[in-house]
Protein backbone atom coordinates (compact mmCIF):
# COMPACT_ATOMS: atom_id res chain seq x y z
CA UNK A 1 -25.53 -23.49 8.76
CA UNK A 2 -22.93 -20.69 8.83
CA UNK A 3 -21.95 -18.89 5.65
CA UNK A 4 -18.63 -20.75 5.32
CA UNK A 5 -20.34 -24.14 5.34
CA UNK A 6 -22.88 -22.86 2.82
CA UNK A 7 -20.09 -21.73 0.50
CA UNK A 8 -18.36 -25.13 0.71
CA UNK A 9 -21.68 -26.83 -0.03
CA UNK A 10 -22.06 -24.66 -3.13
CA UNK A 11 -18.49 -25.41 -4.18
CA UNK A 12 -19.18 -29.14 -3.86
CA UNK A 13 -21.79 -28.85 -6.62
CA UNK A 14 -19.25 -27.33 -9.03
CA UNK A 15 -16.28 -29.72 -8.69
CA UNK A 16 -15.80 -33.45 -9.12
CA UNK A 17 -16.32 -35.78 -6.17
CA UNK A 18 -12.69 -36.92 -5.97
CA UNK A 19 -11.36 -33.39 -5.60
CA UNK A 20 -14.00 -32.58 -3.02
CA UNK A 21 -13.20 -35.65 -0.92
CA UNK A 22 -9.45 -35.18 -1.17
CA UNK A 23 -9.20 -31.43 -0.52
CA UNK A 24 -12.41 -29.51 0.19
CA UNK A 25 -14.12 -31.96 2.54
CA UNK A 26 -11.55 -31.33 5.28
CA UNK A 27 -11.70 -27.52 5.06
CA UNK A 28 -13.17 -25.80 8.11
CA UNK A 29 -14.52 -22.26 8.21
CA UNK A 30 -13.19 -20.18 11.12
CA UNK A 31 -16.37 -18.29 11.97
CA UNK A 32 -14.91 -16.64 15.08
CA UNK A 33 -12.00 -14.91 13.35
CA UNK A 34 -13.55 -14.30 9.94
CA UNK A 35 -15.09 -10.95 9.02
CA UNK A 36 -17.19 -9.71 6.13
CA UNK A 37 -14.01 -8.74 4.26
CA UNK A 38 -11.81 -11.69 5.35
CA UNK A 39 -12.88 -15.34 5.16
CA UNK A 40 -10.60 -17.73 7.04
CA UNK A 41 -10.50 -21.46 6.40
CA UNK A 42 -8.29 -24.00 8.14
CA UNK A 43 -6.74 -27.12 6.62
CA UNK A 44 -4.45 -29.75 8.05
CA UNK A 45 -1.32 -29.51 5.90
CA UNK A 46 0.54 -27.23 3.53
CA UNK A 47 -0.03 -29.40 0.43
CA UNK A 48 -3.79 -29.06 0.72
CA UNK A 49 -3.43 -25.33 1.48
CA UNK A 50 -1.31 -24.72 -1.63
CA UNK A 51 -3.69 -26.66 -3.87
CA UNK A 52 -6.77 -24.77 -2.63
CA UNK A 53 -5.01 -21.39 -2.89
CA UNK A 54 -3.95 -22.10 -6.46
CA UNK A 55 -7.15 -23.61 -7.79
CA UNK A 56 -10.15 -22.48 -5.75
CA UNK A 57 -9.41 -19.39 -3.64
CA UNK A 58 -10.78 -17.00 -6.28
CA UNK A 59 -13.84 -19.21 -6.79
CA UNK A 60 -14.55 -19.29 -3.05
CA UNK A 61 -14.31 -15.49 -2.89
CA UNK A 62 -16.74 -15.23 -5.79
CA UNK A 63 -19.25 -17.51 -4.05
CA UNK A 64 -19.07 -15.31 -0.95
CA UNK A 65 -19.76 -12.29 -3.14
CA UNK A 66 -22.85 -13.95 -4.64
CA UNK A 67 -24.09 -14.89 -1.18
CA UNK A 68 -23.43 -11.59 0.67
CA UNK A 69 -22.57 -8.94 -1.97
CA UNK A 70 -19.08 -8.66 -0.42
CA UNK A 71 -16.02 -10.26 -1.99
CA UNK A 72 -13.65 -11.10 0.88
CA UNK A 73 -9.99 -11.96 0.97
CA UNK A 74 -9.79 -15.72 1.47
CA UNK A 75 -7.11 -16.95 3.89
CA UNK A 76 -6.16 -20.63 3.98
CA UNK A 77 -4.37 -21.33 7.26
CA UNK A 78 -2.70 -24.49 8.49
CA UNK A 79 -3.41 -25.87 11.93
CA UNK A 80 -4.55 -28.78 14.03
CA UNK A 81 -8.35 -28.82 14.03
CA UNK A 82 -10.76 -29.85 16.73
CA UNK A 83 -14.53 -29.41 16.62
CA UNK A 84 -16.21 -28.67 19.95
CA UNK A 85 -19.64 -29.90 21.03
CA UNK A 86 -21.31 -26.85 19.47
CA UNK A 87 -19.75 -27.63 16.12
CA UNK A 88 -17.32 -24.69 16.24
CA UNK A 89 -13.63 -24.83 15.47
CA UNK A 90 -11.02 -25.01 18.19
CA UNK A 91 -7.79 -24.54 16.33
CA UNK A 92 -4.29 -24.85 17.69
CA UNK A 93 -1.70 -23.41 15.35
CA UNK A 94 1.17 -25.65 14.43
CA UNK A 95 4.68 -24.66 13.43
CA UNK A 96 3.62 -23.72 9.92
CA UNK A 97 0.87 -21.34 10.97
CA UNK A 98 0.99 -17.72 12.06
CA UNK A 99 0.17 -16.72 15.61
CA UNK A 100 -0.47 -13.05 15.02
CA UNK A 101 -2.21 -10.72 12.60
CA UNK A 102 -3.44 -12.54 9.51
CA UNK A 103 -1.49 -11.71 6.38
CA UNK A 104 -3.35 -10.38 3.36
CA UNK A 105 -3.21 -13.23 0.81
CA UNK A 106 -3.34 -10.77 -2.10
CA UNK A 107 0.01 -9.29 -1.07
CA UNK A 108 2.19 -11.43 -3.32
CA UNK A 109 5.34 -10.55 -5.25
CA UNK A 110 3.65 -11.34 -8.55
CA UNK A 111 0.95 -8.72 -7.82
CA UNK A 112 3.45 -5.95 -7.03
CA UNK A 113 4.03 -3.49 -9.88
CA UNK A 114 7.73 -2.75 -10.22
CA UNK A 115 9.11 0.57 -11.48
CA UNK A 116 12.30 2.56 -11.08
CA UNK A 117 10.97 4.03 -7.82
CA UNK A 118 10.68 0.65 -6.05
CA UNK A 119 12.93 -1.72 -8.03
CA UNK A 120 15.64 -1.92 -5.35
CA UNK A 121 13.20 -2.54 -2.49
CA UNK A 122 11.34 -5.19 -4.52
CA UNK A 123 14.54 -7.03 -5.49
CA UNK A 124 15.92 -7.10 -1.95
CA UNK A 125 12.56 -8.17 -0.47
CA UNK A 126 12.34 -11.05 -2.93
CA UNK A 127 15.91 -12.06 -2.14
CA UNK A 128 15.12 -12.12 1.58
CA UNK A 129 11.98 -14.20 0.94
CA UNK A 130 14.02 -16.82 -0.93
CA UNK A 131 16.97 -16.87 1.51
CA UNK A 132 15.80 -15.63 4.92
CA UNK A 133 18.49 -15.11 7.53
CA UNK A 134 21.27 -15.58 4.98
CA UNK A 135 21.79 -11.97 3.88
CA UNK A 136 20.24 -8.55 4.39
CA UNK A 137 19.30 -9.25 8.01
CA UNK A 138 17.60 -7.13 9.11
CA UNK A 139 15.92 -5.66 6.05
CA UNK A 140 14.58 -2.16 6.68
CA UNK A 141 12.14 -0.83 4.06
CA UNK A 142 11.16 2.82 4.31
CA UNK A 143 9.21 5.37 2.29
CA UNK A 144 6.09 7.53 2.22
CA UNK A 145 2.52 6.52 2.98
CA UNK A 146 0.79 4.17 0.53
CA UNK A 147 3.83 3.31 -1.62
CA UNK A 148 3.84 -0.47 -1.08
CA UNK A 149 5.96 -1.10 2.02
CA UNK A 150 3.34 -3.30 3.70
CA UNK A 151 2.74 -5.16 0.43
CA UNK A 152 6.43 -6.15 0.21
CA UNK A 153 6.60 -6.97 3.93
CA UNK A 154 3.61 -9.31 3.74
CA UNK A 155 4.73 -10.75 0.40
CA UNK A 156 7.84 -12.00 2.21
CA UNK A 157 5.62 -13.50 4.89
CA UNK A 158 3.21 -15.13 2.45
CA UNK A 159 6.06 -16.68 0.50
CA UNK A 160 7.62 -18.14 3.65
CA UNK A 161 4.30 -19.44 4.99
CA UNK A 162 3.88 -21.33 1.72
CA UNK A 163 7.33 -22.79 2.40
CA UNK A 164 6.09 -24.09 5.75
CA UNK A 165 7.87 -21.53 7.91
CA UNK A 166 6.54 -19.93 11.06
CA UNK A 167 5.97 -16.22 10.44
CA UNK A 168 4.99 -13.54 12.91
CA UNK A 169 3.60 -10.34 11.39
CA UNK A 170 2.75 -7.43 13.66
CA UNK A 171 2.41 -3.69 13.55
CA UNK A 172 4.49 -1.77 16.06
CA UNK A 173 1.27 -0.69 17.77
CA UNK A 174 0.19 -4.32 18.19
CA UNK A 175 3.64 -5.24 19.52
CA UNK A 176 3.45 -2.40 22.05
CA UNK A 177 -0.11 -3.20 23.15
CA UNK A 178 0.74 -6.88 23.66
CA UNK A 179 3.82 -5.87 25.66
CA UNK A 180 1.79 -3.59 27.96
CA UNK A 181 -0.92 -6.25 28.40
CA UNK A 182 1.57 -8.98 29.34
CA UNK A 183 3.45 -6.68 31.73
CA UNK A 184 0.18 -5.94 33.54
CA UNK A 185 -0.78 -9.62 33.71
CA UNK A 186 2.79 -10.65 34.63
CA UNK A 187 2.99 -13.09 31.72
CA UNK A 188 6.10 -11.81 29.94
CA UNK A 189 7.32 -15.36 29.33
CA UNK A 190 4.33 -15.92 27.05
CA UNK A 191 5.00 -12.61 25.26
CA UNK A 192 8.63 -13.52 24.61
CA UNK A 193 7.73 -17.02 23.47
CA UNK A 194 5.21 -15.58 21.03
CA UNK A 195 7.62 -13.19 19.31
CA UNK A 196 10.90 -15.09 19.60
CA UNK A 197 9.94 -18.62 18.57
CA UNK A 198 9.52 -17.93 14.87
CA UNK A 199 11.47 -18.16 11.62
CA UNK A 200 10.62 -14.62 10.48
CA UNK A 201 9.53 -11.55 12.42
CA UNK A 202 7.86 -8.84 10.32
CA UNK A 203 7.19 -5.49 11.99
CA UNK A 204 5.20 -2.73 10.28
CA UNK A 205 5.40 1.02 11.08
CA UNK A 206 8.38 1.01 13.45
CA UNK A 207 8.45 4.83 13.33
CA UNK A 208 5.95 4.64 16.20
CA UNK A 209 8.81 3.49 18.44
CA UNK A 210 9.60 7.17 18.83
CA UNK A 211 10.28 7.81 22.55
CA UNK A 212 8.65 4.53 23.65
CA UNK A 213 11.53 3.60 25.96
CA UNK A 214 10.16 0.40 27.51
CA UNK A 215 8.94 -0.94 24.16
CA UNK A 216 12.33 -0.14 22.63
CA UNK A 217 14.05 -2.06 25.43
CA UNK A 218 11.92 -5.17 24.84
CA UNK A 219 12.29 -4.97 21.05
CA UNK A 220 16.06 -4.64 21.48
CA UNK A 221 16.25 -7.97 23.33
CA UNK A 222 13.82 -9.64 20.90
CA UNK A 223 15.91 -8.41 17.99
CA UNK A 224 19.14 -9.74 19.52
CA UNK A 225 17.61 -13.13 20.31
CA UNK A 226 16.33 -13.67 16.78
CA UNK A 227 19.37 -12.24 15.03
CA UNK A 228 21.74 -14.44 17.03
CA UNK A 229 19.73 -17.47 15.84
CA UNK A 230 19.90 -16.24 12.19
CA UNK A 231 16.15 -15.68 12.13
CA UNK A 232 15.06 -13.10 9.57
CA UNK A 233 13.80 -9.69 10.71
CA UNK A 234 12.07 -7.29 8.31
CA UNK A 235 10.76 -3.86 9.28
CA UNK A 236 9.00 -0.98 7.58
CA UNK A 237 8.88 2.69 8.45
CA UNK A 238 7.85 5.97 6.86
CA UNK A 239 11.39 7.28 7.47
CA UNK A 240 14.98 6.08 7.82
CA UNK A 241 16.12 4.94 11.30
CA UNK A 242 18.28 8.04 11.85
CA UNK A 243 15.19 10.21 11.37
CA UNK A 244 13.05 8.42 13.98
CA UNK A 245 13.05 10.86 16.89
CA UNK A 246 13.85 9.39 20.28
CA UNK A 247 15.16 6.07 18.92
CA UNK A 248 17.99 4.87 21.17
CA UNK A 249 21.36 4.49 19.44
CA UNK A 250 21.79 0.79 20.16
CA UNK A 251 18.48 0.01 18.46
CA UNK A 252 19.10 2.41 15.57
CA UNK A 253 22.48 0.83 14.82
CA UNK A 254 20.88 -2.61 14.76
CA UNK A 255 18.24 -1.43 12.30
CA UNK A 256 21.04 -0.09 10.09
CA UNK A 257 23.34 -3.14 10.34
CA UNK A 258 21.58 -5.07 7.57
CA UNK A 259 20.21 -3.41 4.46
CA UNK A 260 18.03 -0.33 4.13
CA UNK A 261 15.87 0.00 1.01
CA UNK A 262 13.79 3.06 0.31
CA UNK A 263 10.70 3.34 -1.89
CA UNK A 264 10.19 6.59 -3.79
CA UNK A 265 6.87 7.92 -5.15
CA UNK A 266 6.02 6.13 -8.42
CA UNK A 267 6.38 7.83 -11.78
CA UNK A 268 3.38 8.31 -14.01
CA UNK A 269 3.98 5.11 -16.03
CA UNK A 270 4.26 3.02 -12.89
CA UNK A 271 1.04 4.51 -11.47
CA UNK A 272 -0.79 3.72 -14.70
CA UNK A 273 0.51 0.12 -14.55
CA UNK A 274 -0.61 -0.16 -10.90
CA UNK A 275 -4.11 1.08 -11.72
CA UNK A 276 -4.36 -1.32 -14.67
CA UNK A 277 -3.32 -4.22 -12.42
CA UNK A 278 -5.80 -3.27 -9.69
CA UNK A 279 -8.58 -3.04 -12.27
CA UNK A 280 -7.66 -6.48 -13.61
CA UNK A 281 -7.67 -8.04 -10.13
CA UNK A 282 -10.96 -6.40 -9.10
CA UNK A 283 -12.77 -6.84 -12.42
CA UNK A 284 -13.14 -3.09 -13.05
CA UNK A 285 -13.22 -1.86 -16.65
CA UNK A 286 -11.70 1.59 -17.27
CA UNK A 287 -10.49 3.03 -20.56
CA UNK A 288 -7.06 4.63 -20.94
CA UNK A 289 -8.38 8.22 -20.62
CA UNK A 290 -9.91 7.45 -17.22
CA UNK A 291 -6.81 5.61 -16.02
CA UNK A 292 -4.57 8.50 -17.11
CA UNK A 293 -6.86 11.01 -15.40
CA UNK A 294 -6.74 9.12 -12.09
CA UNK A 295 -2.97 8.59 -12.32
CA UNK A 296 -2.36 12.26 -13.05
CA UNK A 297 -4.69 13.76 -10.47
CA UNK A 298 -4.83 11.42 -7.48
CA UNK A 299 -1.28 11.77 -6.19
CA UNK A 300 1.05 8.91 -5.24
CA UNK A 301 -0.74 7.18 -2.36
CA UNK A 302 -1.59 3.78 -3.86
CA UNK A 303 -4.07 2.97 -1.08
CA UNK A 304 -5.91 6.20 -1.87
CA UNK A 305 -5.97 5.28 -5.56
CA UNK A 306 -7.33 1.81 -4.68
CA UNK A 307 -10.06 3.50 -2.66
CA UNK A 308 -10.94 5.65 -5.65
CA UNK A 309 -11.28 2.58 -7.88
CA UNK A 310 -13.52 0.86 -5.34
CA UNK A 311 -15.64 4.02 -5.04
CA UNK A 312 -16.03 4.29 -8.83
CA UNK A 313 -17.04 0.64 -9.12
CA UNK A 314 -19.53 0.91 -6.25
CA UNK A 315 -21.12 4.11 -7.59
CA UNK A 316 -21.35 2.65 -11.08
CA UNK A 317 -23.09 -0.45 -9.72
CA UNK A 318 -25.51 1.41 -7.44
CA UNK A 319 -26.44 4.03 -10.05
CA UNK A 320 -26.38 1.53 -12.92
CA UNK A 321 -24.16 3.86 -14.95
CA UNK A 322 -21.14 3.19 -17.13
CA UNK A 323 -17.85 4.55 -15.81
CA UNK A 324 -16.96 7.33 -18.24
CA UNK A 325 -14.43 10.13 -17.91
CA UNK A 326 -17.14 12.62 -16.95
CA UNK A 327 -18.58 10.15 -14.44
CA UNK A 328 -15.09 9.77 -12.93
CA UNK A 329 -14.50 13.53 -12.70
CA UNK A 330 -17.81 13.99 -10.91
CA UNK A 331 -17.20 11.07 -8.54
CA UNK A 332 -13.80 12.30 -7.32
CA UNK A 333 -14.21 16.07 -7.58
CA UNK A 334 -14.45 16.49 -3.80
CA UNK A 335 -11.20 14.58 -3.28
CA UNK A 336 -9.45 16.73 -5.86
CA UNK A 337 -10.87 19.91 -4.34
CA UNK A 338 -9.47 18.91 -0.96
CA UNK A 339 -6.06 18.34 -2.53
CA UNK A 340 -6.17 21.69 -4.30
CA UNK A 341 -7.03 23.55 -1.13
CA UNK A 342 -3.80 22.29 0.41
CA UNK A 343 -1.59 23.59 -2.45
CA UNK A 344 -0.46 27.21 -2.69
CA UNK A 345 1.14 29.12 -5.55
CA UNK A 346 4.24 29.40 -3.35
CA UNK A 347 4.47 25.58 -3.33
CA UNK A 348 4.31 25.55 -7.15
CA UNK A 349 6.90 28.32 -7.60
CA UNK A 350 9.29 26.66 -5.17
CA UNK A 351 9.30 23.36 -7.08
CA UNK A 352 9.22 24.78 -10.63
CA UNK A 353 12.04 27.24 -9.94
CA UNK A 354 14.17 24.38 -8.65
CA UNK A 355 13.29 21.98 -11.49
CA UNK A 356 13.83 24.61 -14.23
CA UNK A 357 16.81 26.32 -12.61
CA UNK A 358 15.33 29.81 -12.37
CA UNK A 359 15.04 32.12 -9.37
CA UNK A 360 11.58 32.38 -7.74
CA UNK A 361 11.93 36.16 -7.97
CA UNK A 362 12.44 35.90 -11.76
CA UNK A 363 9.09 34.14 -12.19
CA UNK A 364 7.38 37.14 -10.58
CA UNK A 365 9.48 39.67 -12.55
CA UNK A 366 9.14 41.23 -16.01
CA UNK A 367 12.04 39.17 -17.40
CA UNK A 368 11.40 37.76 -20.87
CA UNK A 369 14.23 35.25 -21.31
CA UNK A 370 13.01 31.99 -22.81
CA UNK A 371 13.63 29.88 -19.70
CA UNK A 372 11.89 32.37 -17.38
CA UNK A 373 8.89 32.74 -19.73
CA UNK A 374 8.47 28.95 -19.91
CA UNK A 375 8.75 28.60 -16.13
CA UNK A 376 6.21 31.40 -15.62
CA UNK A 377 3.73 29.80 -18.02
CA UNK A 378 4.04 26.47 -16.27
CA UNK A 379 3.47 28.12 -12.87
CA UNK A 380 0.36 29.83 -14.25
CA UNK A 381 -0.97 26.60 -15.76
CA UNK A 382 -0.39 24.57 -12.58
CA UNK A 383 -1.75 27.33 -10.33
CA UNK A 384 -4.91 27.42 -12.42
CA UNK A 385 -5.32 23.62 -12.31
CA UNK A 386 -4.01 22.75 -8.83
CA UNK A 387 -5.17 25.65 -6.68
CA UNK A 388 -8.53 27.39 -6.11
CA UNK A 389 -7.02 30.78 -7.08
CA UNK A 390 -8.84 32.85 -9.70
CA UNK A 391 -7.12 34.29 -12.78
CA UNK A 392 -6.97 37.83 -11.28
CA UNK A 393 -5.33 36.39 -8.14
CA UNK A 394 -2.76 34.51 -10.21
CA UNK A 395 -2.10 37.62 -12.31
CA UNK A 396 -1.42 39.65 -9.19
CA UNK A 397 0.94 36.98 -7.85
CA UNK A 398 3.12 36.76 -10.98
CA UNK A 399 3.06 40.51 -11.63
CA UNK A 400 0.88 40.50 -14.75
CA UNK A 401 -1.59 43.22 -15.64
CA UNK A 402 -4.90 41.35 -15.34
CA UNK A 403 -6.74 38.10 -16.00
CA UNK A 404 -6.52 38.50 -19.81
CA UNK A 405 -2.75 38.01 -19.61
CA UNK A 406 -3.34 34.80 -17.65
CA UNK A 407 -5.90 33.66 -20.21
CA UNK A 408 -3.38 34.26 -23.01
CA UNK A 409 -0.70 32.28 -21.15
CA UNK A 410 -3.14 29.40 -20.60
CA UNK A 411 -4.04 29.38 -24.29
CA UNK A 412 -0.38 29.27 -25.29
CA UNK A 413 0.51 26.41 -22.96
CA UNK A 414 -2.54 24.39 -24.07
CA UNK A 415 -1.34 24.74 -27.67
CA UNK A 416 2.06 23.35 -26.62
CA UNK A 417 0.37 20.45 -24.79
CA UNK A 418 -1.62 19.55 -27.91
CA UNK A 419 1.48 19.48 -30.10
CA UNK A 420 4.13 18.10 -27.74
CA UNK A 421 3.42 14.84 -25.89
CA UNK A 422 6.74 15.04 -23.98
CA UNK A 423 5.80 18.45 -22.63
CA UNK A 424 2.43 17.07 -21.50
CA UNK A 425 4.19 14.27 -19.60
CA UNK A 426 6.56 16.82 -18.02
CA UNK A 427 3.59 18.84 -16.74
CA UNK A 428 2.05 15.70 -15.27
CA UNK A 429 5.30 14.88 -13.48
CA UNK A 430 5.49 18.43 -12.07
CA UNK A 431 1.88 18.11 -10.91
CA UNK A 432 2.60 14.80 -9.15
CA UNK A 433 5.72 16.19 -7.48
CA UNK A 434 3.86 19.25 -6.20
CA UNK A 435 1.04 17.12 -4.80
CA UNK A 436 3.45 14.71 -3.11
CA UNK A 437 5.64 17.43 -1.61
CA UNK A 438 2.63 19.35 -0.28
CA UNK A 439 1.23 16.17 1.29
CA UNK A 440 4.52 15.50 3.10
CA UNK A 441 4.64 19.01 4.53
CA UNK A 442 1.12 18.99 5.98
């Protein structure tokens, strides 16, 4: 018996017979396409799929975790089911199923944390999900790595699949690889049928179209075909269309003809809310000091933050230790060291001088005006905390006598932090901005 059948047998023991006969009995585990982190089940209609997703998806994931120590994402797909002579599934997708990459079922609108940095993108994505092809077509979502673009893209897809629509989700790389494969096998009719006979086409990472002339040509015709039929197109990229090098004008203008929504790096409050939500979903218990420490020090890449939470939980379980602030600092010190090695004092001075409206040369001078002194202290504090530079090295950079002057400046700014919560938040925002800007310039 495969693991999927074992899980359904276990589930049968925990629910009443009527529910099992009506819903669970006709579930089939797709052993071929499932992985340790993704469990795929097939049912025959959308009503059954919705009921199982709502009531038992989390329970099924938990049973997998008990059985194999891995808690997978559970996908409930809709399709016509046939069982071959070996007892394996032969599934032909119907109009309500996807034909491409499986969507992540946890990427839902209700699980997306909204802040000022992503409010516009979230609102427009939700509007498109509710009224596809009616407005904002195409929708082009762009922003830095790990800020939630793929989450919003797949949330649109998941919503429409639940509405019984045919959704195609693909990365640009998958689109390109399929195109090359079908050209070689002379089966372009099948390629075009696959991508054009859908209600929504979702394409991730279109920045990789850069200078891919043949792929651009095929995407251009696919775009036109779907748009002329009022089928919804949604794309994501790490940059705006005009900044994608080597993108032909006729494709760029089509990307820009709908609505473009950018996602900015999240503020500190939004990051804290995201971490709290991830902890709630994954059953991880962290106190506010730990959450604030991670939010302040780990930058803005939400995927990287998720990885940190998973690492903390795994280490805590394996070592049988409670997750404390000291435990957290030890667990992620190598990640923070790597970040610090990529930040220079020049990076800090450049951003602080701009934010506080002082000249970079003034920070290194003997000037004692209040604004310059404050800017200099902040540079010293951030250089000490964000870079591997010693106090003598920092003193030399800012034109101070020796490390004792740096020590005095650090003492003064720590006193301000202790007495002024707003100033503490300002320092955290500066720290985030420096980390994000440095990451972009690598």
